[in-house]
Amino acid sequence: MPYVSKPMKLVTVWLTEEEKAMLDELARNRDVTLSNAVREGLKLYFQDARDWIEGRRGESEETRTA
């Protein structure tokens, strides 16, 4: 079972056996907890989403001014 830090109370994630094995190996090799990996992954995902939304807003403003 992967190590989960105390701040992470409950999260349900459906993983294939291959995905779980890859995450377990990364956790062992890089000394990273699964909860930290999920948190950092979510930060990257939401940063990308925010950048995409801000980019789309910029496109619509340019369209209105043209």
Protein backbone atom coordinates (compact mmCIF):
# COMPACT_ATOMS: atom_id res chain seq x y z
CA MET A 1 0.00 0.00 0.00
CA PRO A 2 1.44 3.43 -0.91
CA TYR A 3 2.29 5.79 1.92
CA VAL A 4 -0.34 8.51 2.40
CA SER A 5 0.52 11.57 4.49
CA LYS A 6 -1.76 12.65 7.36
CA PRO A 7 -3.22 15.82 5.73
CA MET A 8 -4.73 13.71 2.97
CA LYS A 9 -7.84 12.27 4.61
CA LEU A 10 -9.77 10.52 1.87
CA VAL A 11 -9.52 10.43 -1.90
CA THR A 12 -10.79 7.72 -4.22
CA VAL A 13 -8.70 7.18 -7.33
CA TRP A 14 -9.27 4.38 -9.80
CA LEU A 15 -5.97 3.14 -11.20
CA THR A 16 -5.04 0.22 -13.40
CA GLU A 17 -2.52 -2.24 -12.00
CA GLU A 18 0.08 -0.79 -14.38
CA GLU A 19 -0.58 2.78 -13.22
CA LYS A 20 -0.40 1.73 -9.58
CA ALA A 21 2.88 -0.11 -10.16
CA MET A 22 4.34 2.93 -11.94
CA LEU A 23 3.29 5.26 -9.09
CA ASP A 24 4.67 2.88 -6.47
CA GLU A 25 8.00 2.72 -8.30
CA LEU A 26 8.17 6.51 -8.63
CA ALA A 27 7.35 6.87 -4.94
CA ARG A 28 10.16 4.49 -3.97
CA ASN A 29 12.75 5.93 -6.35
CA ARG A 30 12.04 9.60 -5.61
CA ASP A 31 11.00 9.32 -1.95
CA VAL A 32 7.61 10.89 -2.67
CA THR A 33 4.32 10.08 -0.99
CA LEU A 34 1.30 9.28 -3.12
CA SER A 35 -0.63 12.15 -1.55
CA ASN A 36 2.15 14.60 -2.42
CA ALA A 37 2.23 13.33 -6.00
CA VAL A 38 -1.55 13.76 -6.31
CA ARG A 39 -1.41 17.25 -4.81
CA GLU A 40 1.40 18.37 -7.13
CA GLY A 41 -0.35 16.82 -10.13
CA LEU A 42 -3.56 18.66 -9.30
CA LYS A 43 -1.65 21.93 -8.97
CA LEU A 44 -0.18 21.44 -12.45
CA TYR A 45 -3.56 20.46 -13.91
CA PHE A 46 -5.35 23.47 -12.47
CA GLN A 47 -2.53 25.84 -13.46
CA ASP A 48 -2.81 24.56 -17.05
CA ALA A 49 -6.59 24.92 -16.95
CA ARG A 50 -6.32 28.48 -15.59
CA ASP A 51 -3.78 29.41 -18.26
CA TRP A 52 -6.06 27.94 -20.95
CA ILE A 53 -9.08 29.86 -19.64
CA GLU A 54 -7.11 33.11 -19.43
CA GLY A 55 -5.84 32.52 -22.96
CA ARG A 56 -9.38 31.99 -24.23
CA ARG A 57 -10.51 35.18 -22.49
CA GLY A 58 -7.73 37.05 -24.22
CA GLU A 59 -8.82 35.64 -27.59
CA SER A 60 -12.41 36.77 -27.12
CA GLU A 61 -11.30 40.26 -26.07
CA GLU A 62 -9.15 40.51 -29.19
CA THR A 63 -12.12 39.38 -31.30
CA ARG A 64 -14.34 42.07 -29.77
CA THR A 65 -11.82 44.87 -30.37
CA ALA A 66 -11.09 43.84 -33.97
